[in-house]
N, C-alpha and C. Protein backbone atom coordinates (compact mmCIF):
# COMPACT_ATOMS: atom_id res chain seq x y z
N MET A 1 18.22 150.43 130.43
CA MET A 1 18.45 150.16 129.02
C MET A 1 17.30 149.33 128.48
N THR A 2 16.67 149.80 127.45
CA THR A 2 15.56 149.08 126.86
C THR A 2 15.91 148.65 125.46
N ARG A 3 15.07 147.75 124.94
CA ARG A 3 15.33 147.24 123.59
C ARG A 3 14.20 147.64 122.67
N ASP A 4 14.54 148.11 121.47
CA ASP A 4 13.56 148.48 120.47
C ASP A 4 13.44 147.34 119.47
N ASP A 5 12.83 146.23 119.86
CA ASP A 5 12.68 145.08 118.97
C ASP A 5 11.34 144.44 119.22
N ASP A 6 11.19 143.21 118.77
CA ASP A 6 9.91 142.52 118.86
C ASP A 6 9.79 141.64 120.10
N SER A 7 10.60 141.86 121.11
CA SER A 7 10.56 141.04 122.30
C SER A 7 9.25 141.25 123.04
N THR A 8 8.75 140.17 123.66
CA THR A 8 7.52 140.27 124.44
C THR A 8 7.82 140.94 125.78
N PRO A 9 6.80 141.48 126.45
CA PRO A 9 7.03 142.10 127.76
C PRO A 9 7.68 141.14 128.75
N GLN A 10 7.24 139.89 128.79
CA GLN A 10 7.80 138.93 129.73
C GLN A 10 9.23 138.56 129.34
N GLY A 11 9.48 138.43 128.05
CA GLY A 11 10.83 138.12 127.60
C GLY A 11 11.78 139.27 127.90
N ASN A 12 11.33 140.50 127.69
CA ASN A 12 12.17 141.66 127.97
C ASN A 12 12.42 141.80 129.46
N ALA A 13 11.38 141.52 130.27
CA ALA A 13 11.55 141.59 131.73
C ALA A 13 12.56 140.55 132.20
N THR A 14 12.51 139.37 131.63
CA THR A 14 13.46 138.31 131.98
C THR A 14 14.88 138.71 131.56
N TYR A 15 14.98 139.28 130.39
CA TYR A 15 16.26 139.78 129.89
C TYR A 15 16.85 140.81 130.85
N GLN A 16 16.01 141.75 131.32
CA GLN A 16 16.48 142.78 132.26
C GLN A 16 16.93 142.15 133.58
N ARG A 17 16.23 141.11 134.03
CA ARG A 17 16.62 140.44 135.28
C ARG A 17 17.97 139.74 135.13
N LEU A 18 18.22 139.15 133.97
CA LEU A 18 19.51 138.50 133.75
C LEU A 18 20.63 139.54 133.63
N LEU A 19 20.33 140.68 133.04
CA LEU A 19 21.32 141.76 133.01
C LEU A 19 21.65 142.22 134.42
N MET A 20 20.65 142.30 135.29
CA MET A 20 20.89 142.68 136.67
C MET A 20 21.75 141.65 137.38
N ASP A 21 21.50 140.37 137.10
CA ASP A 21 22.33 139.32 137.69
C ASP A 21 23.78 139.47 137.26
N LEU A 22 24.00 139.85 136.01
CA LEU A 22 25.35 140.10 135.52
C LEU A 22 25.97 141.29 136.26
N ARG A 23 25.22 142.37 136.33
CA ARG A 23 25.72 143.60 136.94
C ARG A 23 26.11 143.39 138.39
N GLU A 24 25.34 142.56 139.09
CA GLU A 24 25.56 142.37 140.52
C GLU A 24 26.42 141.15 140.83
N GLY A 25 26.94 140.50 139.79
CA GLY A 25 27.88 139.42 140.01
C GLY A 25 27.27 138.06 140.28
N ARG A 26 25.94 137.92 140.13
CA ARG A 26 25.32 136.61 140.34
C ARG A 26 25.52 135.70 139.14
N LEU A 27 25.80 136.30 137.98
CA LEU A 27 26.19 135.57 136.79
C LEU A 27 27.54 136.12 136.34
N GLY A 28 28.37 135.25 135.81
CA GLY A 28 29.69 135.69 135.37
C GLY A 28 30.20 134.85 134.22
N PRO A 29 31.36 135.22 133.69
CA PRO A 29 31.95 134.49 132.56
C PRO A 29 32.05 132.99 132.83
N GLY A 30 31.62 132.19 131.85
CA GLY A 30 31.68 130.74 131.98
C GLY A 30 30.43 130.11 132.56
N ASP A 31 29.55 130.92 133.13
CA ASP A 31 28.31 130.37 133.70
C ASP A 31 27.37 129.93 132.59
N ARG A 32 26.80 128.73 132.76
CA ARG A 32 25.85 128.21 131.79
C ARG A 32 24.45 128.72 132.10
N LEU A 33 23.69 129.00 131.06
CA LEU A 33 22.31 129.45 131.21
C LEU A 33 21.39 128.29 130.89
N ARG A 34 21.06 127.54 131.93
CA ARG A 34 20.19 126.37 131.75
C ARG A 34 18.75 126.82 131.85
N GLU A 35 17.98 126.56 130.81
CA GLU A 35 16.61 127.07 130.73
C GLU A 35 15.75 126.61 131.90
N THR A 36 15.82 125.33 132.24
CA THR A 36 14.97 124.79 133.31
C THR A 36 15.30 125.44 134.65
N GLU A 37 16.58 125.55 134.96
CA GLU A 37 16.99 126.15 136.24
C GLU A 37 16.60 127.62 136.32
N LEU A 38 16.82 128.36 135.23
CA LEU A 38 16.48 129.78 135.22
C LEU A 38 14.97 129.99 135.32
N ALA A 39 14.21 129.15 134.61
CA ALA A 39 12.75 129.27 134.67
C ALA A 39 12.25 129.06 136.09
N GLU A 40 12.82 128.07 136.78
CA GLU A 40 12.41 127.80 138.16
C GLU A 40 12.80 128.94 139.09
N ARG A 41 14.02 129.45 138.93
CA ARG A 41 14.49 130.52 139.82
C ARG A 41 13.73 131.83 139.60
N LEU A 42 13.43 132.13 138.35
CA LEU A 42 12.78 133.41 138.04
C LEU A 42 11.26 133.32 138.03
N GLY A 43 10.74 132.10 138.14
CA GLY A 43 9.29 131.94 138.20
C GLY A 43 8.58 132.22 136.89
N VAL A 44 9.22 131.85 135.78
CA VAL A 44 8.61 132.04 134.46
C VAL A 44 8.72 130.73 133.68
N SER A 45 8.07 130.71 132.52
CA SER A 45 8.18 129.52 131.67
C SER A 45 9.50 129.57 130.91
N ARG A 46 9.78 128.51 130.18
CA ARG A 46 11.03 128.46 129.42
C ARG A 46 11.01 129.36 128.20
N THR A 47 9.81 129.74 127.73
CA THR A 47 9.72 130.58 126.53
C THR A 47 10.38 131.95 126.73
N PRO A 48 10.05 132.72 127.79
CA PRO A 48 10.75 134.00 127.98
C PRO A 48 12.23 133.83 128.32
N ILE A 49 12.60 132.69 128.91
CA ILE A 49 14.02 132.41 129.15
C ILE A 49 14.75 132.29 127.82
N ARG A 50 14.18 131.55 126.89
CA ARG A 50 14.81 131.40 125.58
C ARG A 50 14.91 132.75 124.86
N GLU A 51 13.85 133.54 125.00
CA GLU A 51 13.85 134.87 124.37
C GLU A 51 14.93 135.76 124.99
N ALA A 52 15.05 135.73 126.31
CA ALA A 52 16.07 136.54 126.99
C ALA A 52 17.47 136.11 126.58
N ILE A 53 17.69 134.81 126.49
CA ILE A 53 19.01 134.30 126.07
C ILE A 53 19.32 134.76 124.65
N ARG A 54 18.32 134.75 123.79
CA ARG A 54 18.53 135.22 122.42
C ARG A 54 18.92 136.70 122.39
N LEU A 55 18.29 137.50 123.24
CA LEU A 55 18.64 138.92 123.31
C LEU A 55 20.05 139.13 123.85
N LEU A 56 20.42 138.33 124.85
CA LEU A 56 21.78 138.42 125.39
C LEU A 56 22.81 138.00 124.35
N GLU A 57 22.44 137.01 123.53
CA GLU A 57 23.35 136.59 122.47
C GLU A 57 23.52 137.71 121.44
N ALA A 58 22.42 138.42 121.13
CA ALA A 58 22.49 139.54 120.19
C ALA A 58 23.38 140.66 120.74
N ASP A 59 23.42 140.80 122.06
CA ASP A 59 24.28 141.81 122.70
C ASP A 59 25.75 141.39 122.73
N GLY A 60 26.02 140.12 122.39
CA GLY A 60 27.40 139.63 122.46
C GLY A 60 27.79 139.18 123.85
N ILE A 61 26.81 139.02 124.75
CA ILE A 61 27.09 138.62 126.12
C ILE A 61 27.09 137.10 126.27
N VAL A 62 26.26 136.43 125.48
CA VAL A 62 26.13 134.98 125.55
C VAL A 62 26.68 134.35 124.28
N THR A 63 27.35 133.24 124.45
CA THR A 63 27.83 132.44 123.32
C THR A 63 27.37 131.01 123.52
N HIS A 64 27.36 130.23 122.46
CA HIS A 64 26.98 128.81 122.55
C HIS A 64 28.22 127.95 122.38
N LEU A 65 28.51 127.17 123.40
CA LEU A 65 29.70 126.32 123.41
C LEU A 65 29.31 124.86 123.22
N PRO A 66 30.15 124.07 122.53
CA PRO A 66 29.87 122.64 122.36
C PRO A 66 29.70 121.94 123.70
N ARG A 67 28.66 121.14 123.82
CA ARG A 67 28.35 120.33 125.00
C ARG A 67 28.01 121.17 126.25
N GLN A 68 27.95 122.47 126.10
CA GLN A 68 27.57 123.33 127.23
C GLN A 68 26.34 124.16 126.94
N GLY A 69 26.14 124.54 125.69
CA GLY A 69 25.01 125.37 125.34
C GLY A 69 25.26 126.84 125.63
N ALA A 70 24.20 127.56 125.94
CA ALA A 70 24.30 129.00 126.17
C ALA A 70 25.15 129.29 127.40
N THR A 71 26.18 130.10 127.23
CA THR A 71 27.16 130.37 128.29
C THR A 71 27.53 131.85 128.26
N ILE A 72 27.69 132.46 129.44
CA ILE A 72 28.18 133.84 129.51
C ILE A 72 29.61 133.86 128.99
N ARG A 73 29.86 134.65 127.99
CA ARG A 73 31.20 134.69 127.41
C ARG A 73 32.16 135.47 128.31
N GLY A 74 33.42 135.21 128.14
CA GLY A 74 34.44 135.94 128.89
C GLY A 74 35.07 137.01 128.02
N LEU A 75 35.78 137.93 128.67
CA LEU A 75 36.54 138.96 127.98
C LEU A 75 38.01 138.77 128.30
N ASP A 76 38.85 138.77 127.29
CA ASP A 76 40.27 138.69 127.59
C ASP A 76 40.81 140.09 127.92
N TYR A 77 42.05 140.14 128.35
CA TYR A 77 42.64 141.40 128.80
C TYR A 77 42.57 142.47 127.72
N ALA A 78 42.89 142.10 126.48
CA ALA A 78 42.89 143.07 125.39
C ALA A 78 41.49 143.64 125.16
N GLU A 79 40.48 142.78 125.24
CA GLU A 79 39.11 143.25 125.04
C GLU A 79 38.69 144.23 126.13
N VAL A 80 39.08 143.95 127.37
CA VAL A 80 38.74 144.86 128.47
C VAL A 80 39.38 146.22 128.23
N MET A 81 40.65 146.23 127.83
CA MET A 81 41.34 147.48 127.56
C MET A 81 40.66 148.24 126.42
N GLU A 82 40.26 147.52 125.38
CA GLU A 82 39.61 148.15 124.24
C GLU A 82 38.26 148.75 124.64
N LEU A 83 37.52 148.04 125.48
CA LEU A 83 36.23 148.55 125.94
C LEU A 83 36.40 149.85 126.73
N TYR A 84 37.37 149.87 127.63
CA TYR A 84 37.58 151.08 128.42
C TYR A 84 38.09 152.22 127.55
N GLU A 85 38.92 151.92 126.57
CA GLU A 85 39.38 152.96 125.65
C GLU A 85 38.21 153.57 124.90
N MET A 86 37.29 152.72 124.43
CA MET A 86 36.12 153.24 123.73
C MET A 86 35.18 153.98 124.69
N ARG A 87 35.12 153.52 125.92
CA ARG A 87 34.27 154.21 126.89
C ARG A 87 34.80 155.62 127.15
N ALA A 88 36.12 155.76 127.25
CA ALA A 88 36.71 157.08 127.45
C ALA A 88 36.39 158.00 126.27
N VAL A 89 36.46 157.44 125.05
CA VAL A 89 36.16 158.24 123.86
C VAL A 89 34.69 158.66 123.85
N LEU A 90 33.79 157.69 124.05
CA LEU A 90 32.36 157.96 123.93
C LEU A 90 31.83 158.85 125.06
N GLU A 91 32.20 158.52 126.29
CA GLU A 91 31.70 159.34 127.40
C GLU A 91 32.42 160.70 127.47
N GLY A 92 33.66 160.74 126.98
CA GLY A 92 34.32 162.04 126.85
C GLY A 92 33.57 162.92 125.87
N THR A 93 33.15 162.32 124.76
CA THR A 93 32.35 163.05 123.78
C THR A 93 31.02 163.49 124.37
N ALA A 94 30.40 162.62 125.17
CA ALA A 94 29.13 162.98 125.82
C ALA A 94 29.30 164.20 126.72
N ALA A 95 30.38 164.23 127.49
CA ALA A 95 30.64 165.37 128.37
C ALA A 95 30.85 166.65 127.55
N ARG A 96 31.57 166.52 126.44
CA ARG A 96 31.81 167.69 125.57
C ARG A 96 30.49 168.22 125.01
N LEU A 97 29.64 167.32 124.52
CA LEU A 97 28.37 167.74 123.96
C LEU A 97 27.44 168.30 125.04
N ALA A 98 27.49 167.70 126.23
CA ALA A 98 26.64 168.18 127.32
C ALA A 98 27.01 169.60 127.73
N SER A 99 28.29 169.95 127.60
CA SER A 99 28.70 171.31 127.96
C SER A 99 28.03 172.35 127.07
N ARG A 100 27.59 171.92 125.90
CA ARG A 100 26.92 172.83 124.97
C ARG A 100 25.40 172.69 125.00
N ALA A 101 24.94 171.45 125.25
CA ALA A 101 23.51 171.17 125.08
C ALA A 101 22.72 171.07 126.38
N ALA A 102 23.38 170.78 127.50
CA ALA A 102 22.66 170.57 128.76
C ALA A 102 22.01 171.85 129.25
N SER A 103 20.79 171.73 129.74
CA SER A 103 20.12 172.89 130.34
C SER A 103 20.66 173.12 131.74
N ASP A 104 20.41 174.31 132.26
CA ASP A 104 20.84 174.60 133.63
C ASP A 104 20.19 173.65 134.63
N ILE A 105 18.94 173.28 134.37
CA ILE A 105 18.23 172.36 135.27
C ILE A 105 18.89 170.98 135.24
N GLU A 106 19.26 170.52 134.06
CA GLU A 106 19.94 169.22 133.96
C GLU A 106 21.27 169.23 134.70
N ILE A 107 22.00 170.32 134.58
CA ILE A 107 23.28 170.43 135.28
C ILE A 107 23.07 170.44 136.78
N GLU A 108 22.08 171.17 137.25
CA GLU A 108 21.78 171.19 138.68
C GLU A 108 21.41 169.81 139.20
N GLU A 109 20.65 169.07 138.40
CA GLU A 109 20.26 167.72 138.79
C GLU A 109 21.48 166.80 138.88
N LEU A 110 22.41 166.95 137.96
CA LEU A 110 23.64 166.15 138.00
C LEU A 110 24.46 166.47 139.25
N TYR A 111 24.55 167.75 139.60
CA TYR A 111 25.23 168.13 140.84
C TYR A 111 24.55 167.50 142.05
N ASP A 112 23.22 167.51 142.04
CA ASP A 112 22.47 166.94 143.16
C ASP A 112 22.69 165.44 143.27
N MET A 113 22.70 164.75 142.15
CA MET A 113 22.95 163.30 142.16
C MET A 113 24.34 163.00 142.71
N ASN A 114 25.32 163.81 142.31
CA ASN A 114 26.68 163.57 142.78
C ASN A 114 26.79 163.83 144.29
N GLN A 115 26.09 164.83 144.79
CA GLN A 115 26.08 165.10 146.23
C GLN A 115 25.44 163.94 147.00
N GLN A 116 24.36 163.40 146.45
CA GLN A 116 23.71 162.25 147.07
C GLN A 116 24.66 161.05 147.10
N MET A 117 25.38 160.87 146.01
CA MET A 117 26.33 159.76 145.93
C MET A 117 27.42 159.90 146.99
N ALA A 118 27.88 161.14 147.19
CA ALA A 118 28.91 161.38 148.21
C ALA A 118 28.39 161.03 149.60
N ALA A 119 27.12 161.33 149.85
CA ALA A 119 26.53 161.06 151.16
C ALA A 119 26.32 159.57 151.40
N LEU A 120 26.12 158.82 150.33
CA LEU A 120 25.85 157.39 150.45
C LEU A 120 27.11 156.56 150.66
N GLY A 121 28.27 157.11 150.27
CA GLY A 121 29.52 156.40 150.48
C GLY A 121 29.61 155.14 149.63
N ASN A 122 30.30 154.14 150.17
CA ASN A 122 30.51 152.89 149.45
C ASN A 122 29.34 151.94 149.74
N SER A 123 28.26 152.10 148.97
CA SER A 123 27.05 151.31 149.22
C SER A 123 26.39 150.94 147.91
N ALA A 124 25.48 149.97 147.97
CA ALA A 124 24.76 149.55 146.77
C ALA A 124 23.95 150.71 146.21
N GLU A 125 23.40 151.55 147.10
CA GLU A 125 22.62 152.70 146.64
C GLU A 125 23.50 153.68 145.87
N ALA A 126 24.74 153.85 146.33
CA ALA A 126 25.67 154.74 145.63
C ALA A 126 26.02 154.18 144.25
N PHE A 127 26.17 152.86 144.17
CA PHE A 127 26.51 152.24 142.88
C PHE A 127 25.37 152.46 141.88
N THR A 128 24.13 152.31 142.35
CA THR A 128 22.97 152.54 141.49
C THR A 128 22.92 153.99 141.05
N LEU A 129 23.15 154.90 141.98
CA LEU A 129 23.11 156.33 141.67
C LEU A 129 24.23 156.70 140.69
N ASN A 130 25.35 156.03 140.79
CA ASN A 130 26.45 156.27 139.85
C ASN A 130 26.03 155.93 138.42
N ARG A 131 25.35 154.81 138.25
CA ARG A 131 24.85 154.45 136.92
C ARG A 131 23.86 155.49 136.42
N GLN A 132 22.99 155.94 137.32
CA GLN A 132 21.99 156.94 136.94
C GLN A 132 22.65 158.27 136.58
N PHE A 133 23.72 158.61 137.30
CA PHE A 133 24.45 159.84 137.01
C PHE A 133 25.02 159.80 135.59
N HIS A 134 25.68 158.69 135.26
CA HIS A 134 26.28 158.59 133.93
C HIS A 134 25.22 158.58 132.84
N ALA A 135 24.10 157.91 133.09
CA ALA A 135 23.02 157.88 132.10
C ALA A 135 22.43 159.27 131.91
N ALA A 136 22.26 160.02 133.01
CA ALA A 136 21.71 161.36 132.92
C ALA A 136 22.65 162.30 132.18
N LEU A 137 23.95 162.13 132.39
CA LEU A 137 24.91 162.97 131.68
C LEU A 137 24.88 162.68 130.18
N VAL A 138 24.78 161.41 129.83
CA VAL A 138 24.68 161.04 128.42
C VAL A 138 23.40 161.61 127.82
N ASP A 139 22.29 161.54 128.56
CA ASP A 139 21.04 162.12 128.07
C ASP A 139 21.18 163.62 127.84
N ALA A 140 21.95 164.29 128.71
CA ALA A 140 22.13 165.74 128.60
C ALA A 140 22.93 166.12 127.35
N ALA A 141 23.66 165.15 126.78
CA ALA A 141 24.41 165.41 125.54
C ALA A 141 23.49 165.54 124.34
N LYS A 142 22.29 164.95 124.47
CA LYS A 142 21.24 165.06 123.45
C LYS A 142 21.69 164.59 122.07
N ASN A 143 22.23 163.37 122.05
CA ASN A 143 22.62 162.74 120.79
C ASN A 143 22.21 161.28 120.87
N ARG A 144 21.16 160.93 120.16
CA ARG A 144 20.59 159.57 120.28
C ARG A 144 21.55 158.49 119.79
N PHE A 145 22.32 158.78 118.76
CA PHE A 145 23.25 157.78 118.24
C PHE A 145 24.38 157.52 119.24
N LEU A 146 24.84 158.57 119.88
CA LEU A 146 25.85 158.41 120.92
C LEU A 146 25.29 157.62 122.09
N THR A 147 24.07 157.91 122.47
CA THR A 147 23.42 157.20 123.58
C THR A 147 23.36 155.70 123.31
N ARG A 148 22.96 155.33 122.11
CA ARG A 148 22.86 153.91 121.76
C ARG A 148 24.23 153.23 121.79
N SER A 149 25.24 153.92 121.31
CA SER A 149 26.59 153.35 121.31
C SER A 149 27.08 153.11 122.73
N ILE A 150 26.83 154.07 123.62
CA ILE A 150 27.27 153.94 125.01
C ILE A 150 26.50 152.83 125.72
N GLN A 151 25.21 152.72 125.45
CA GLN A 151 24.42 151.65 126.06
C GLN A 151 24.94 150.28 125.64
N ALA A 152 25.26 150.13 124.37
CA ALA A 152 25.79 148.84 123.88
C ALA A 152 27.12 148.52 124.55
N LEU A 153 27.96 149.52 124.70
CA LEU A 153 29.26 149.30 125.33
C LEU A 153 29.10 148.93 126.80
N HIS A 154 28.17 149.58 127.50
CA HIS A 154 27.95 149.28 128.91
C HIS A 154 27.46 147.85 129.10
N LYS A 155 26.68 147.36 128.16
CA LYS A 155 26.23 145.97 128.26
C LYS A 155 27.41 145.02 128.16
N ALA A 156 28.35 145.31 127.27
CA ALA A 156 29.54 144.47 127.16
C ALA A 156 30.34 144.50 128.46
N LEU A 157 30.42 145.66 129.09
CA LEU A 157 31.15 145.78 130.35
C LEU A 157 30.49 144.99 131.48
N MET A 158 29.19 144.74 131.35
CA MET A 158 28.49 143.97 132.39
C MET A 158 29.07 142.56 132.54
N ILE A 159 29.69 142.06 131.49
CA ILE A 159 30.29 140.72 131.57
C ILE A 159 31.30 140.66 132.71
N LEU A 160 31.93 141.80 133.00
CA LEU A 160 32.94 141.84 134.06
C LEU A 160 32.34 141.76 135.46
N GLY A 161 31.06 142.04 135.61
CA GLY A 161 30.40 141.87 136.90
C GLY A 161 30.24 143.15 137.70
N ARG A 162 30.82 143.21 138.88
CA ARG A 162 30.54 144.30 139.83
C ARG A 162 31.40 145.53 139.55
N THR A 163 30.90 146.67 140.02
CA THR A 163 31.52 147.96 139.80
C THR A 163 32.89 148.10 140.47
N THR A 164 33.76 148.89 139.85
CA THR A 164 35.05 149.19 140.48
C THR A 164 34.88 150.07 141.71
N LEU A 165 33.69 150.62 141.91
CA LEU A 165 33.45 151.46 143.10
C LEU A 165 33.56 150.66 144.40
N ILE A 166 33.50 149.33 144.31
CA ILE A 166 33.63 148.53 145.52
C ILE A 166 35.06 148.57 146.05
N GLN A 167 36.02 149.00 145.22
CA GLN A 167 37.40 149.08 145.66
C GLN A 167 37.58 150.21 146.67
N SER A 168 38.50 150.05 147.57
CA SER A 168 38.74 151.02 148.63
C SER A 168 38.97 152.41 148.09
N ASP A 169 38.23 153.39 148.61
CA ASP A 169 38.36 154.82 148.30
C ASP A 169 37.94 155.18 146.88
N ARG A 170 37.54 154.20 146.05
CA ARG A 170 37.20 154.52 144.67
C ARG A 170 35.93 155.36 144.59
N ALA A 171 34.94 155.09 145.45
CA ALA A 171 33.70 155.86 145.41
C ALA A 171 33.96 157.33 145.72
N ASP A 172 34.80 157.60 146.72
CA ASP A 172 35.12 158.99 147.07
C ASP A 172 35.84 159.69 145.93
N MET A 173 36.76 158.99 145.29
CA MET A 173 37.49 159.57 144.18
C MET A 173 36.56 159.82 142.99
N ALA A 174 35.62 158.91 142.76
CA ALA A 174 34.69 159.08 141.65
C ALA A 174 33.84 160.33 141.83
N VAL A 175 33.42 160.60 143.05
CA VAL A 175 32.63 161.80 143.33
C VAL A 175 33.44 163.05 142.97
N LYS A 176 34.70 163.08 143.36
CA LYS A 176 35.56 164.22 143.05
C LYS A 176 35.77 164.36 141.54
N GLU A 177 35.93 163.22 140.87
CA GLU A 177 36.11 163.25 139.42
C GLU A 177 34.84 163.72 138.72
N HIS A 178 33.68 163.27 139.21
CA HIS A 178 32.40 163.76 138.67
C HIS A 178 32.32 165.28 138.80
N LEU A 179 32.74 165.78 139.95
CA LEU A 179 32.67 167.22 140.21
C LEU A 179 33.51 168.00 139.21
N ALA A 180 34.68 167.48 138.87
CA ALA A 180 35.53 168.15 137.88
C ALA A 180 34.83 168.21 136.52
N VAL A 181 34.15 167.12 136.16
CA VAL A 181 33.40 167.09 134.90
C VAL A 181 32.27 168.11 134.95
N LEU A 182 31.52 168.13 136.04
CA LEU A 182 30.37 169.02 136.15
C LEU A 182 30.78 170.49 136.16
N ASP A 183 31.86 170.79 136.84
CA ASP A 183 32.32 172.18 136.87
C ASP A 183 32.67 172.66 135.46
N ALA A 184 33.27 171.78 134.67
CA ALA A 184 33.60 172.14 133.30
C ALA A 184 32.35 172.31 132.45
N ILE A 185 31.37 171.42 132.65
CA ILE A 185 30.12 171.52 131.90
C ILE A 185 29.39 172.82 132.27
N LYS A 186 29.34 173.12 133.55
CA LYS A 186 28.67 174.34 134.00
C LYS A 186 29.34 175.59 133.42
N ALA A 187 30.66 175.53 133.29
CA ALA A 187 31.41 176.66 132.71
C ALA A 187 31.30 176.69 131.19
N ARG A 188 30.63 175.68 130.61
CA ARG A 188 30.49 175.54 129.16
C ARG A 188 31.85 175.43 128.48
N ASP A 189 32.76 174.75 129.18
CA ASP A 189 34.11 174.53 128.66
C ASP A 189 34.16 173.12 128.09
N ALA A 190 33.91 172.99 126.79
CA ALA A 190 33.76 171.68 126.16
C ALA A 190 35.03 170.84 126.24
N LEU A 191 36.17 171.44 125.97
CA LEU A 191 37.41 170.68 125.97
C LEU A 191 37.78 170.20 127.37
N ARG A 192 37.57 171.06 128.37
CA ARG A 192 37.88 170.67 129.75
C ARG A 192 36.92 169.57 130.22
N ALA A 193 35.65 169.66 129.82
CA ALA A 193 34.67 168.64 130.21
C ALA A 193 35.05 167.28 129.63
N GLU A 194 35.46 167.27 128.37
CA GLU A 194 35.86 166.01 127.73
C GLU A 194 37.10 165.44 128.40
N ALA A 195 38.08 166.29 128.68
CA ALA A 195 39.32 165.81 129.31
C ALA A 195 39.05 165.27 130.70
N ALA A 196 38.17 165.93 131.46
CA ALA A 196 37.85 165.49 132.82
C ALA A 196 37.14 164.14 132.80
N MET A 197 36.24 163.96 131.84
CA MET A 197 35.53 162.67 131.76
C MET A 197 36.48 161.56 131.33
N ARG A 198 37.36 161.85 130.39
CA ARG A 198 38.35 160.85 129.98
C ARG A 198 39.22 160.44 131.17
N ALA A 199 39.64 161.42 131.96
CA ALA A 199 40.46 161.13 133.14
C ALA A 199 39.69 160.26 134.12
N HIS A 200 38.40 160.52 134.26
CA HIS A 200 37.54 159.74 135.15
C HIS A 200 37.47 158.28 134.72
N ILE A 201 37.23 158.05 133.43
CA ILE A 201 37.14 156.68 132.91
C ILE A 201 38.49 155.99 133.00
N GLU A 202 39.54 156.70 132.72
CA GLU A 202 40.89 156.11 132.79
C GLU A 202 41.26 155.73 134.21
N ALA A 203 40.78 156.50 135.20
CA ALA A 203 41.03 156.13 136.60
C ALA A 203 40.34 154.82 136.93
N ALA A 204 39.11 154.65 136.43
CA ALA A 204 38.39 153.38 136.63
C ALA A 204 39.10 152.24 135.92
N GLN A 205 39.64 152.53 134.75
CA GLN A 205 40.37 151.51 134.00
C GLN A 205 41.59 151.02 134.77
N ARG A 206 42.30 151.93 135.43
CA ARG A 206 43.46 151.52 136.22
C ARG A 206 43.06 150.61 137.37
N VAL A 207 41.93 150.91 138.00
CA VAL A 207 41.43 150.04 139.07
C VAL A 207 41.08 148.66 138.51
N ARG A 208 40.46 148.65 137.33
CA ARG A 208 40.09 147.38 136.71
C ARG A 208 41.32 146.55 136.36
N VAL A 209 42.35 147.21 135.85
CA VAL A 209 43.59 146.50 135.50
C VAL A 209 44.17 145.83 136.73
N ARG A 210 44.19 146.55 137.85
CA ARG A 210 44.72 145.96 139.08
C ARG A 210 43.90 144.76 139.52
N ALA A 211 42.57 144.86 139.36
CA ALA A 211 41.70 143.74 139.73
C ALA A 211 41.93 142.55 138.81
N LEU A 212 42.12 142.81 137.53
CA LEU A 212 42.39 141.73 136.58
C LEU A 212 43.69 141.01 136.92
N ARG A 213 44.71 141.79 137.24
CA ARG A 213 46.00 141.18 137.57
C ARG A 213 45.92 140.38 138.86
N ALA A 214 45.17 140.92 139.84
CA ALA A 214 45.03 140.21 141.11
C ALA A 214 44.27 138.90 140.92
N SER A 215 43.20 138.93 140.11
CA SER A 215 42.42 137.71 139.89
C SER A 215 43.22 136.69 139.12
N SER A 216 44.05 137.17 138.19
CA SER A 216 44.91 136.26 137.42
C SER A 216 45.95 135.61 138.33
N PHE A 217 46.48 136.41 139.25
CA PHE A 217 47.49 135.90 140.18
C PHE A 217 46.91 134.82 141.09
N HIS A 218 45.66 135.05 141.53
CA HIS A 218 45.03 134.10 142.45
C HIS A 218 44.28 132.99 141.73
N GLY A 219 44.23 133.10 140.38
CA GLY A 219 43.57 132.05 139.61
C GLY A 219 42.07 132.03 139.77
N THR A 220 41.47 133.21 139.95
CA THR A 220 40.03 133.30 140.15
C THR A 220 39.42 134.22 139.10
N ASN A 221 38.08 134.13 138.95
CA ASN A 221 37.36 135.06 138.10
C ASN A 221 37.00 136.28 138.91
N GLN A 222 37.13 137.46 138.29
CA GLN A 222 36.74 138.67 138.98
C GLN A 222 35.55 139.29 138.33
N GLY A 223 34.92 140.20 139.06
CA GLY A 223 33.71 140.84 138.56
C GLY A 223 33.92 142.28 138.12
N ASN A 224 32.83 142.99 137.72
CA ASN A 224 32.78 144.43 137.31
C ASN A 224 31.42 145.07 137.47
N ASP A 225 31.11 146.06 136.76
CA ASP A 225 29.89 146.80 136.42
C ASP A 225 30.36 148.02 135.69
N LEU A 226 30.06 149.18 136.18
CA LEU A 226 30.64 150.36 135.58
C LEU A 226 31.72 150.88 136.50
N ILE A 227 31.96 152.20 136.48
CA ILE A 227 33.05 152.69 137.32
C ILE A 227 32.60 152.87 138.77
């Protein structure tokens, strides 16, 4: 995900590194973004740190709290549900559009990515490939406004931390769900493709709900990423 603004290369690179920290669970809700500490850890000056924090604030990821300063904001239960509902709508639409707009080569590449993901199992490489799969499918829909909306929503989901694929058997199920989406796209069945993608996102949402309830029961913060 890139930004089309006036950010400097170093500021944008720092911003991307902080997004990665969010995605991988090294930063989470309630964590303070102290400029001096981040500059030392990332090996940059405080100027790109300030720029990165400003970009995160524009994304709605960072808020400024009294006596704490820049802090990773949290999402309440209702917000998480709303995000997943919108994700089902947007990515369902992407699958529907891809069934009409994707080239045969793009569809073959998506099948190949899903096969690679199946071979990788429950691993960090599979999680990365899963993000690439979803991004490639959105690209295949060939709608720039939809792409921007989905990218913005995915950034909000990063607040949750690590992917639901870390849950037992979720990676295997995701591969099967991807296959249902791809088969519909290959058949140029727009309605079936949309329904399959919605079912895929809703399955991830159910896993997230269970994680939220478990973390609430144990009184701990839990993480996310994508599905």
